[in-house]
Amino acid sequence: MTWWEILIIVLAAAFVVTVAVVAIVRKKQGKSSCDCGDCSACAYCKQRQSAKAPEGEHSEKPGGPGSEK
């Protein structure tokens, strides 16, 4: 195994660890793990929007999904 193969393995492992740590930190902060931008496709966003809107009203804001970012 050459030095560049080892470097690739180390960088890939560092990337995986970084993604896992960021996901754990965001979860502990109470943030959503989805950054889909399309709240109609995200179950978490649908539940959050329906909890905010009174019964019978449309839950999206006038700017559309993802416009509040």
Protein backbone atom coordinates (compact mmCIF):
# COMPACT_ATOMS: atom_id res chain seq x y z
CA MET A 1 0.00 0.00 0.00
CA THR A 2 1.47 3.34 -1.03
CA TRP A 3 1.29 6.62 0.85
CA TRP A 4 -1.48 8.05 -1.36
CA GLU A 5 -3.73 5.04 -0.77
CA ILE A 6 -3.33 5.50 2.97
CA LEU A 7 -4.07 9.21 2.56
CA ILE A 8 -7.28 8.45 0.66
CA ILE A 9 -8.41 6.04 3.39
CA VAL A 10 -7.65 8.55 6.14
CA LEU A 11 -9.50 11.35 4.32
CA ALA A 12 -12.54 9.13 3.69
CA ALA A 13 -12.63 8.07 7.34
CA ALA A 14 -12.32 11.70 8.47
CA PHE A 15 -15.23 12.64 6.20
CA VAL A 16 -17.46 9.91 7.63
CA VAL A 17 -16.60 10.86 11.22
CA THR A 18 -17.26 14.56 10.48
CA VAL A 19 -20.69 13.81 9.00
CA ALA A 20 -21.61 11.67 12.01
CA VAL A 21 -20.46 14.32 14.52
CA VAL A 22 -22.34 17.09 12.72
CA ALA A 23 -25.52 14.98 12.67
CA ILE A 24 -25.24 14.27 16.40
CA VAL A 25 -24.61 17.93 17.25
CA ARG A 26 -27.58 19.09 15.15
CA LYS A 27 -29.80 16.44 16.77
CA LYS A 28 -28.80 17.58 20.28
CA GLN A 29 -29.54 21.20 19.31
CA GLY A 30 -33.01 20.14 18.21
CA LYS A 31 -32.48 21.03 14.58
CA SER A 32 -33.85 19.00 11.71
CA SER A 33 -31.47 16.75 9.87
CA CYS A 34 -33.15 17.50 6.56
CA ASP A 35 -32.14 20.40 4.42
CA CYS A 36 -34.35 19.29 1.57
CA GLY A 37 -35.81 22.72 0.79
CA ASP A 38 -39.06 21.00 -0.19
CA CYS A 39 -41.10 20.68 2.97
CA SER A 40 -43.90 18.85 1.17
CA ALA A 41 -41.60 15.82 0.87
CA CYS A 42 -40.36 15.87 4.47
CA ALA A 43 -42.37 14.17 7.22
CA TYR A 44 -40.67 16.22 9.97
CA CYS A 45 -41.56 19.52 8.29
CA LYS A 46 -45.16 18.43 7.69
CA GLN A 47 -45.63 17.60 11.38
CA ARG A 48 -44.05 20.88 12.48
CA GLN A 49 -46.18 22.95 10.09
CA SER A 50 -49.42 21.20 11.04
CA ALA A 51 -48.69 21.81 14.73
CA LYS A 52 -48.27 25.57 14.10
CA ALA A 53 -51.33 26.10 11.88
CA PRO A 54 -54.84 26.20 13.35
CA GLU A 55 -57.24 23.46 12.23
CA GLY A 56 -58.52 23.95 8.68
CA GLU A 57 -55.97 26.54 7.58
CA HIS A 58 -53.26 26.05 5.02
CA SER A 59 -49.93 25.57 6.80
CA GLU A 60 -47.58 27.01 4.17
CA LYS A 61 -46.42 30.60 4.32
CA PRO A 62 -47.09 32.93 1.35
CA GLY A 63 -43.48 32.61 0.12
CA GLY A 64 -43.81 28.86 -0.27
CA PRO A 65 -41.89 26.02 1.32
CA GLY A 66 -38.32 26.79 2.30
CA SER A 67 -38.64 30.55 1.79
CA GLU A 68 -38.07 31.40 5.46
CA LYS A 69 -34.39 30.38 5.33
